[in-house]
Amino acid sequence: MPDLNINGAGGFQMGYRCNCPLDERETLHDFVSNWTKIVGNHTIKWGATVELAWNLRLPSDNHRAGVHNFDPSVTSLGPGTGGLGLAAFLLGAPDEFQRFAQISTTQEDRQNRMFYFVQDTWRITPKLTLAYGLRWDTRIRLGWLVGIGAE
């Protein structure tokens, strides 16, 4: 049922006031691989993550069945001379009509994201450890991390 707005004296609203349906589908595929190799007092880790993200969203910005506005100005004789919104409704003469229409229903936002990293944890002494690494995010920039720990 459409949304009906009868404005002015004695006006009222009736109808279905939802911007339904909102059709949305999100899909995310993750491919992850991490590896570790211990060489002497170094623990080297490296890996990659590949994400395939797809998002389909069909909005309903206005009511799909329509919004009918019946204004008193439709039945007035001139500016400021009265008129009734209910009379415009009974005549079937809305002053405004809005409706949301979707032309394409297959548009999808697709993002392919990749993350790579390499890290080394070097145990310098039994009580002193140095950890450093690189991470490359294809959406952002190359980043680095250095940390020192003592027991």
N, C-alpha and C. Protein backbone atom coordinates (compact mmCIF):
# COMPACT_ATOMS: atom_id res chain seq x y z
N MET A 1 0.84 -1.18 0.00
CA MET A 1 0.00 0.00 0.00
C MET A 1 0.89 1.24 0.00
N PRO A 2 0.54 2.23 -0.76
CA PRO A 2 1.35 3.45 -0.77
C PRO A 2 1.16 4.25 0.51
N ASP A 3 2.03 5.23 0.67
CA ASP A 3 1.97 6.15 1.80
C ASP A 3 1.15 7.37 1.35
N LEU A 4 0.05 7.64 2.04
CA LEU A 4 -0.84 8.76 1.69
C LEU A 4 -0.75 9.83 2.77
N ASN A 5 -0.45 11.05 2.37
CA ASN A 5 -0.34 12.19 3.28
C ASN A 5 -1.36 13.24 2.88
N ILE A 6 -2.41 13.40 3.68
CA ILE A 6 -3.42 14.43 3.44
C ILE A 6 -3.05 15.60 4.35
N ASN A 7 -2.66 16.73 3.77
CA ASN A 7 -2.15 17.87 4.53
C ASN A 7 -3.22 18.92 4.74
N GLY A 8 -2.96 19.83 5.67
CA GLY A 8 -3.88 20.93 5.93
C GLY A 8 -4.85 20.61 7.05
N ALA A 9 -5.94 21.42 7.13
CA ALA A 9 -6.95 21.25 8.18
C ALA A 9 -7.63 19.89 8.04
N GLY A 10 -7.70 19.14 9.13
CA GLY A 10 -8.32 17.81 9.12
C GLY A 10 -7.46 16.77 8.42
N GLY A 11 -6.21 17.07 8.20
CA GLY A 11 -5.33 16.15 7.49
C GLY A 11 -4.92 14.95 8.33
N PHE A 12 -4.46 13.93 7.69
CA PHE A 12 -4.01 12.73 8.37
C PHE A 12 -3.06 11.96 7.44
N GLN A 13 -2.45 10.94 7.99
CA GLN A 13 -1.57 10.09 7.21
C GLN A 13 -2.04 8.65 7.33
N MET A 14 -1.92 7.92 6.24
CA MET A 14 -2.24 6.50 6.30
C MET A 14 -1.40 5.77 5.25
N GLY A 15 -1.30 4.50 5.44
CA GLY A 15 -0.53 3.70 4.50
C GLY A 15 0.67 3.06 5.15
N TYR A 16 1.45 2.46 4.33
CA TYR A 16 2.61 1.71 4.76
C TYR A 16 3.82 2.63 4.72
N ARG A 17 4.48 2.86 5.84
CA ARG A 17 5.54 3.87 5.93
C ARG A 17 6.94 3.26 5.98
N CYS A 18 7.15 2.12 5.39
CA CYS A 18 8.45 1.45 5.41
C CYS A 18 9.13 1.61 4.06
N ASN A 19 10.43 1.82 4.08
CA ASN A 19 11.19 1.86 2.83
C ASN A 19 11.67 0.46 2.48
N CYS A 20 10.80 -0.48 2.51
CA CYS A 20 11.15 -1.88 2.30
C CYS A 20 10.97 -2.23 0.83
N PRO A 21 11.58 -3.24 0.34
CA PRO A 21 12.56 -4.08 1.00
C PRO A 21 13.96 -3.56 0.77
N LEU A 22 14.83 -3.81 1.71
CA LEU A 22 16.25 -3.54 1.55
C LEU A 22 16.91 -4.89 1.26
N ASP A 23 17.41 -5.04 0.08
CA ASP A 23 18.03 -6.30 -0.34
C ASP A 23 19.53 -6.13 -0.23
N GLU A 24 20.17 -6.93 0.63
CA GLU A 24 21.61 -6.81 0.83
C GLU A 24 22.24 -8.19 0.97
N ARG A 25 23.39 -8.34 0.33
CA ARG A 25 24.13 -9.60 0.43
C ARG A 25 25.62 -9.27 0.52
N GLU A 26 26.28 -9.77 1.55
CA GLU A 26 27.72 -9.59 1.71
C GLU A 26 28.40 -10.94 1.65
N THR A 27 29.45 -11.03 0.86
CA THR A 27 30.20 -12.27 0.72
C THR A 27 31.68 -11.96 0.94
N LEU A 28 32.35 -12.78 1.73
CA LEU A 28 33.77 -12.60 1.98
C LEU A 28 34.46 -13.95 1.93
N HIS A 29 35.45 -14.08 1.06
CA HIS A 29 36.26 -15.29 0.96
C HIS A 29 37.67 -14.93 1.41
N ASP A 30 38.19 -15.65 2.40
CA ASP A 30 39.54 -15.43 2.92
C ASP A 30 40.42 -16.61 2.56
N PHE A 31 41.60 -16.32 2.06
CA PHE A 31 42.62 -17.34 1.80
C PHE A 31 43.84 -16.92 2.62
N VAL A 32 44.23 -17.75 3.59
CA VAL A 32 45.28 -17.40 4.53
C VAL A 32 46.34 -18.49 4.55
N SER A 33 47.59 -18.07 4.56
CA SER A 33 48.69 -19.02 4.68
C SER A 33 49.79 -18.39 5.53
N ASN A 34 50.19 -19.06 6.61
CA ASN A 34 51.25 -18.59 7.50
C ASN A 34 52.29 -19.69 7.65
N TRP A 35 53.55 -19.31 7.67
CA TRP A 35 54.65 -20.26 7.75
C TRP A 35 55.62 -19.81 8.84
N THR A 36 56.30 -20.76 9.46
CA THR A 36 57.29 -20.48 10.50
C THR A 36 58.52 -21.34 10.26
N LYS A 37 59.70 -20.73 10.39
CA LYS A 37 60.96 -21.47 10.26
C LYS A 37 61.88 -21.01 11.38
N ILE A 38 62.47 -21.96 12.09
CA ILE A 38 63.39 -21.65 13.18
C ILE A 38 64.80 -21.94 12.69
N VAL A 39 65.65 -20.92 12.73
CA VAL A 39 67.04 -21.04 12.30
C VAL A 39 67.91 -20.49 13.44
N GLY A 40 68.57 -21.37 14.17
CA GLY A 40 69.40 -20.94 15.30
C GLY A 40 68.54 -20.26 16.35
N ASN A 41 68.91 -19.02 16.68
CA ASN A 41 68.13 -18.28 17.68
C ASN A 41 67.17 -17.28 17.01
N HIS A 42 66.82 -17.49 15.74
CA HIS A 42 65.85 -16.67 15.00
C HIS A 42 64.59 -17.51 14.74
N THR A 43 63.44 -16.91 14.96
CA THR A 43 62.16 -17.51 14.58
C THR A 43 61.57 -16.60 13.50
N ILE A 44 61.57 -17.09 12.27
CA ILE A 44 61.12 -16.30 11.13
C ILE A 44 59.72 -16.76 10.75
N LYS A 45 58.82 -15.80 10.64
CA LYS A 45 57.44 -16.07 10.24
C LYS A 45 57.11 -15.23 9.02
N TRP A 46 56.35 -15.79 8.10
CA TRP A 46 55.88 -15.05 6.93
C TRP A 46 54.55 -15.64 6.48
N GLY A 47 53.82 -14.83 5.74
CA GLY A 47 52.53 -15.31 5.28
C GLY A 47 51.80 -14.29 4.44
N ALA A 48 50.62 -14.68 4.04
CA ALA A 48 49.79 -13.82 3.20
C ALA A 48 48.32 -14.10 3.48
N THR A 49 47.52 -13.07 3.28
CA THR A 49 46.07 -13.18 3.35
C THR A 49 45.50 -12.52 2.10
N VAL A 50 44.63 -13.21 1.42
CA VAL A 50 43.94 -12.66 0.26
C VAL A 50 42.46 -12.69 0.57
N GLU A 51 41.80 -11.53 0.47
CA GLU A 51 40.36 -11.42 0.75
C GLU A 51 39.64 -11.01 -0.52
N LEU A 52 38.59 -11.71 -0.83
CA LEU A 52 37.69 -11.34 -1.92
C LEU A 52 36.37 -10.94 -1.28
N ALA A 53 36.07 -9.65 -1.31
CA ALA A 53 34.87 -9.13 -0.66
C ALA A 53 33.90 -8.61 -1.71
N TRP A 54 32.66 -9.07 -1.63
CA TRP A 54 31.60 -8.65 -2.55
C TRP A 54 30.42 -8.16 -1.74
N ASN A 55 29.85 -7.04 -2.14
CA ASN A 55 28.71 -6.47 -1.44
C ASN A 55 27.66 -6.03 -2.45
N LEU A 56 26.47 -6.59 -2.36
CA LEU A 56 25.33 -6.19 -3.19
C LEU A 56 24.32 -5.54 -2.27
N ARG A 57 23.97 -4.29 -2.55
CA ARG A 57 23.01 -3.57 -1.71
C ARG A 57 22.06 -2.79 -2.61
N LEU A 58 20.79 -3.13 -2.54
CA LEU A 58 19.76 -2.43 -3.29
C LEU A 58 18.96 -1.58 -2.31
N PRO A 59 19.19 -0.28 -2.28
CA PRO A 59 18.53 0.56 -1.28
C PRO A 59 17.08 0.85 -1.63
N SER A 60 16.38 1.40 -0.68
CA SER A 60 15.00 1.86 -0.86
C SER A 60 14.93 3.27 -0.31
N ASP A 61 15.44 4.23 -1.03
CA ASP A 61 15.51 5.59 -0.52
C ASP A 61 14.14 6.21 -0.32
N ASN A 62 13.22 5.95 -1.20
CA ASN A 62 11.83 6.36 -1.02
C ASN A 62 10.96 5.11 -1.06
N HIS A 63 9.74 5.26 -0.69
CA HIS A 63 8.81 4.13 -0.65
C HIS A 63 8.65 3.58 -2.06
N ARG A 64 8.77 2.26 -2.21
CA ARG A 64 8.68 1.63 -3.55
C ARG A 64 7.25 1.67 -4.10
N ALA A 65 6.23 1.67 -3.23
CA ALA A 65 4.85 1.73 -3.71
C ALA A 65 4.40 3.16 -3.93
N GLY A 66 5.18 4.13 -3.51
CA GLY A 66 4.87 5.52 -3.77
C GLY A 66 4.46 6.30 -2.53
N VAL A 67 4.74 7.59 -2.57
CA VAL A 67 4.32 8.53 -1.52
C VAL A 67 3.47 9.59 -2.21
N HIS A 68 2.21 9.69 -1.82
CA HIS A 68 1.27 10.66 -2.41
C HIS A 68 1.03 11.76 -1.38
N ASN A 69 1.28 13.00 -1.76
CA ASN A 69 1.01 14.15 -0.91
C ASN A 69 -0.15 14.94 -1.49
N PHE A 70 -1.19 15.13 -0.68
CA PHE A 70 -2.37 15.89 -1.10
C PHE A 70 -2.37 17.19 -0.31
N ASP A 71 -2.17 18.28 -0.98
CA ASP A 71 -2.02 19.59 -0.35
C ASP A 71 -3.27 20.44 -0.55
N PRO A 72 -3.63 21.30 0.41
CA PRO A 72 -4.80 22.18 0.25
C PRO A 72 -4.68 23.12 -0.94
N SER A 73 -3.47 23.42 -1.38
CA SER A 73 -3.31 24.37 -2.49
C SER A 73 -3.92 23.84 -3.79
N VAL A 74 -4.12 22.53 -3.90
CA VAL A 74 -4.69 21.96 -5.13
C VAL A 74 -6.14 22.40 -5.31
N THR A 75 -6.90 22.53 -4.20
CA THR A 75 -8.32 22.88 -4.29
C THR A 75 -8.59 24.33 -3.90
N SER A 76 -7.57 25.14 -3.70
CA SER A 76 -7.81 26.54 -3.35
C SER A 76 -8.00 27.37 -4.62
N LEU A 77 -8.61 28.51 -4.46
CA LEU A 77 -8.85 29.40 -5.59
C LEU A 77 -7.63 30.25 -5.91
N GLY A 78 -6.75 30.38 -4.97
CA GLY A 78 -5.54 31.19 -5.16
C GLY A 78 -4.65 31.07 -3.93
N PRO A 79 -3.53 31.74 -3.93
CA PRO A 79 -2.63 31.67 -2.79
C PRO A 79 -3.30 32.20 -1.52
N GLY A 80 -3.29 31.39 -0.47
CA GLY A 80 -3.84 31.81 0.82
C GLY A 80 -5.35 31.88 0.88
N THR A 81 -6.09 31.26 -0.06
CA THR A 81 -7.55 31.35 -0.03
C THR A 81 -8.21 30.06 0.45
N GLY A 82 -7.46 29.21 1.14
CA GLY A 82 -8.08 28.01 1.70
C GLY A 82 -7.81 26.79 0.87
N GLY A 83 -8.80 25.92 0.81
CA GLY A 83 -8.64 24.65 0.15
C GLY A 83 -8.51 23.55 1.19
N LEU A 84 -8.74 22.32 0.78
CA LEU A 84 -8.65 21.19 1.69
C LEU A 84 -7.82 20.08 1.05
N GLY A 85 -6.90 19.54 1.84
CA GLY A 85 -6.13 18.39 1.38
C GLY A 85 -7.01 17.18 1.17
N LEU A 86 -8.05 17.04 2.03
CA LEU A 86 -8.98 15.91 1.90
C LEU A 86 -9.75 16.01 0.57
N ALA A 87 -10.10 17.23 0.14
CA ALA A 87 -10.78 17.40 -1.14
C ALA A 87 -9.87 17.00 -2.30
N ALA A 88 -8.59 17.35 -2.21
CA ALA A 88 -7.64 16.94 -3.24
C ALA A 88 -7.53 15.42 -3.29
N PHE A 89 -7.58 14.77 -2.09
CA PHE A 89 -7.52 13.31 -2.03
C PHE A 89 -8.76 12.70 -2.69
N LEU A 90 -9.95 13.24 -2.39
CA LEU A 90 -11.19 12.71 -2.96
C LEU A 90 -11.25 12.92 -4.48
N LEU A 91 -10.60 13.99 -4.96
CA LEU A 91 -10.53 14.23 -6.40
C LEU A 91 -9.45 13.37 -7.07
N GLY A 92 -8.58 12.76 -6.24
CA GLY A 92 -7.47 11.97 -6.80
C GLY A 92 -6.42 12.85 -7.44
N ALA A 93 -6.17 14.02 -6.85
CA ALA A 93 -5.24 14.99 -7.43
C ALA A 93 -4.12 15.31 -6.45
N PRO A 94 -3.11 14.45 -6.36
CA PRO A 94 -1.99 14.77 -5.47
C PRO A 94 -1.16 15.91 -6.03
N ASP A 95 -0.57 16.70 -5.14
CA ASP A 95 0.31 17.77 -5.62
C ASP A 95 1.75 17.27 -5.76
N GLU A 96 2.04 16.11 -5.16
CA GLU A 96 3.39 15.56 -5.27
C GLU A 96 3.33 14.03 -5.18
N PHE A 97 4.18 13.38 -5.96
CA PHE A 97 4.29 11.93 -5.93
C PHE A 97 5.77 11.56 -6.00
N GLN A 98 6.19 10.67 -5.11
CA GLN A 98 7.57 10.20 -5.10
C GLN A 98 7.57 8.68 -5.07
N ARG A 99 8.56 8.10 -5.75
CA ARG A 99 8.69 6.65 -5.71
C ARG A 99 10.13 6.29 -6.04
N PHE A 100 10.62 5.24 -5.41
CA PHE A 100 11.98 4.77 -5.68
C PHE A 100 11.90 3.65 -6.70
N ALA A 101 12.67 3.77 -7.74
CA ALA A 101 12.72 2.73 -8.77
C ALA A 101 14.17 2.35 -9.00
N GLN A 102 14.46 1.09 -8.93
CA GLN A 102 15.82 0.57 -9.13
C GLN A 102 15.95 0.13 -10.58
N ILE A 103 16.88 0.71 -11.30
CA ILE A 103 17.06 0.36 -12.70
C ILE A 103 17.89 -0.92 -12.82
N SER A 104 19.02 -0.98 -12.11
CA SER A 104 19.89 -2.15 -12.17
C SER A 104 19.86 -2.85 -10.82
N THR A 105 19.68 -4.14 -10.84
CA THR A 105 19.63 -4.90 -9.58
C THR A 105 20.82 -5.86 -9.46
N THR A 106 21.84 -5.66 -10.29
CA THR A 106 22.99 -6.55 -10.23
C THR A 106 24.30 -5.81 -9.95
N GLN A 107 24.24 -4.55 -9.58
CA GLN A 107 25.47 -3.81 -9.30
C GLN A 107 26.05 -4.29 -7.99
N GLU A 108 27.33 -4.59 -8.01
CA GLU A 108 27.99 -5.14 -6.84
C GLU A 108 29.31 -4.41 -6.63
N ASP A 109 29.60 -4.11 -5.38
CA ASP A 109 30.89 -3.53 -5.01
C ASP A 109 31.84 -4.68 -4.74
N ARG A 110 32.94 -4.74 -5.48
CA ARG A 110 33.90 -5.83 -5.30
C ARG A 110 35.25 -5.25 -4.90
N GLN A 111 35.83 -5.84 -3.87
CA GLN A 111 37.15 -5.43 -3.40
C GLN A 111 38.01 -6.68 -3.24
N ASN A 112 39.19 -6.63 -3.83
CA ASN A 112 40.18 -7.68 -3.65
C ASN A 112 41.30 -7.08 -2.82
N ARG A 113 41.50 -7.63 -1.62
CA ARG A 113 42.49 -7.08 -0.70
C ARG A 113 43.56 -8.14 -0.43
N MET A 114 44.81 -7.69 -0.34
CA MET A 114 45.92 -8.61 -0.08
C MET A 114 46.80 -8.04 1.02
N PHE A 115 47.25 -8.92 1.92
CA PHE A 115 48.11 -8.54 3.03
C PHE A 115 49.27 -9.53 3.08
N TYR A 116 50.48 -9.02 3.19
CA TYR A 116 51.67 -9.87 3.26
C TYR A 116 52.48 -9.44 4.47
N PHE A 117 53.17 -10.39 5.10
CA PHE A 117 54.02 -10.02 6.23
C PHE A 117 55.22 -10.95 6.32
N VAL A 118 56.27 -10.43 6.93
CA VAL A 118 57.44 -11.20 7.29
C VAL A 118 57.90 -10.66 8.65
N GLN A 119 58.30 -11.56 9.53
CA GLN A 119 58.64 -11.17 10.89
C GLN A 119 59.78 -12.05 11.39
N ASP A 120 60.67 -11.47 12.17
CA ASP A 120 61.77 -12.22 12.76
C ASP A 120 61.79 -11.92 14.26
N THR A 121 61.86 -12.96 15.06
CA THR A 121 62.04 -12.82 16.51
C THR A 121 63.42 -13.39 16.83
N TRP A 122 64.32 -12.49 17.21
CA TRP A 122 65.71 -12.86 17.43
C TRP A 122 65.98 -12.88 18.92
N ARG A 123 66.32 -14.02 19.42
CA ARG A 123 66.64 -14.18 20.84
C ARG A 123 68.13 -13.92 21.00
N ILE A 124 68.47 -12.65 21.32
CA ILE A 124 69.87 -12.24 21.40
C ILE A 124 70.57 -12.94 22.57
N THR A 125 69.96 -12.89 23.73
CA THR A 125 70.44 -13.61 24.91
C THR A 125 69.23 -14.32 25.51
N PRO A 126 69.43 -15.19 26.47
CA PRO A 126 68.28 -15.84 27.09
C PRO A 126 67.28 -14.87 27.72
N LYS A 127 67.72 -13.64 28.03
CA LYS A 127 66.81 -12.67 28.66
C LYS A 127 66.51 -11.46 27.79
N LEU A 128 66.99 -11.42 26.55
CA LEU A 128 66.77 -10.27 25.67
C LEU A 128 66.32 -10.76 24.30
N THR A 129 65.18 -10.24 23.85
CA THR A 129 64.61 -10.65 22.57
C THR A 129 64.32 -9.41 21.73
N LEU A 130 64.62 -9.46 20.44
CA LEU A 130 64.32 -8.39 19.50
C LEU A 130 63.38 -8.95 18.44
N ALA A 131 62.24 -8.28 18.25
CA ALA A 131 61.27 -8.69 17.23
C ALA A 131 61.09 -7.55 16.24
N TYR A 132 61.16 -7.84 14.97
CA TYR A 132 60.98 -6.84 13.94
C TYR A 132 60.30 -7.49 12.73
N GLY A 133 59.64 -6.67 11.94
CA GLY A 133 58.94 -7.24 10.81
C GLY A 133 58.39 -6.19 9.87
N LEU A 134 57.87 -6.65 8.76
CA LEU A 134 57.25 -5.80 7.75
C LEU A 134 55.88 -6.37 7.41
N ARG A 135 54.95 -5.47 7.15
CA ARG A 135 53.61 -5.86 6.70
C ARG A 135 53.25 -4.96 5.53
N TRP A 136 52.78 -5.57 4.46
CA TRP A 136 52.36 -4.81 3.29
C TRP A 136 50.87 -5.05 3.10
N ASP A 137 50.11 -3.97 3.18
CA ASP A 137 48.67 -3.99 2.97
C ASP A 137 48.42 -3.29 1.65
N THR A 138 47.85 -3.97 0.68
CA THR A 138 47.68 -3.37 -0.65
C THR A 138 46.70 -2.20 -0.65
N ARG A 139 45.89 -2.06 0.42
CA ARG A 139 44.97 -0.93 0.51
C ARG A 139 45.62 0.27 1.14
N ILE A 140 46.64 0.04 1.97
CA ILE A 140 47.28 1.15 2.68
C ILE A 140 48.73 1.24 2.20
N ARG A 141 49.66 1.45 3.08
CA ARG A 141 51.06 1.54 2.72
C ARG A 141 51.85 0.48 3.45
N LEU A 142 53.12 0.42 3.11
CA LEU A 142 54.02 -0.51 3.77
C LEU A 142 54.25 -0.06 5.21
N GLY A 143 54.13 -0.99 6.14
CA GLY A 143 54.33 -0.65 7.55
C GLY A 143 55.41 -1.53 8.16
N TRP A 144 55.96 -1.10 9.25
CA TRP A 144 57.00 -1.87 9.91
C TRP A 144 56.76 -1.87 11.40
N LEU A 145 57.38 -2.84 12.06
CA LEU A 145 57.20 -3.00 13.51
C LEU A 145 58.51 -3.48 14.11
N VAL A 146 58.95 -2.83 15.18
CA VAL A 146 60.14 -3.24 15.91
C VAL A 146 59.78 -3.26 17.38
N GLY A 147 60.17 -4.33 18.06
CA GLY A 147 59.91 -4.41 19.49
C GLY A 147 61.07 -5.08 20.20
N ILE A 148 61.37 -4.63 21.41
CA ILE A 148 62.44 -5.23 22.21
C ILE A 148 61.81 -5.67 23.51
N GLY A 149 62.14 -6.89 23.92
CA GLY A 149 61.59 -7.42 25.17
C GLY A 149 62.70 -7.96 26.04
N ALA A 150 62.53 -7.82 27.32
CA ALA A 150 63.51 -8.36 28.26
C ALA A 150 62.75 -9.13 29.32
N GLU A 151 63.32 -10.22 29.77
CA GLU A 151 62.67 -11.04 30.80
C GLU A 151 63.27 -10.76 32.15
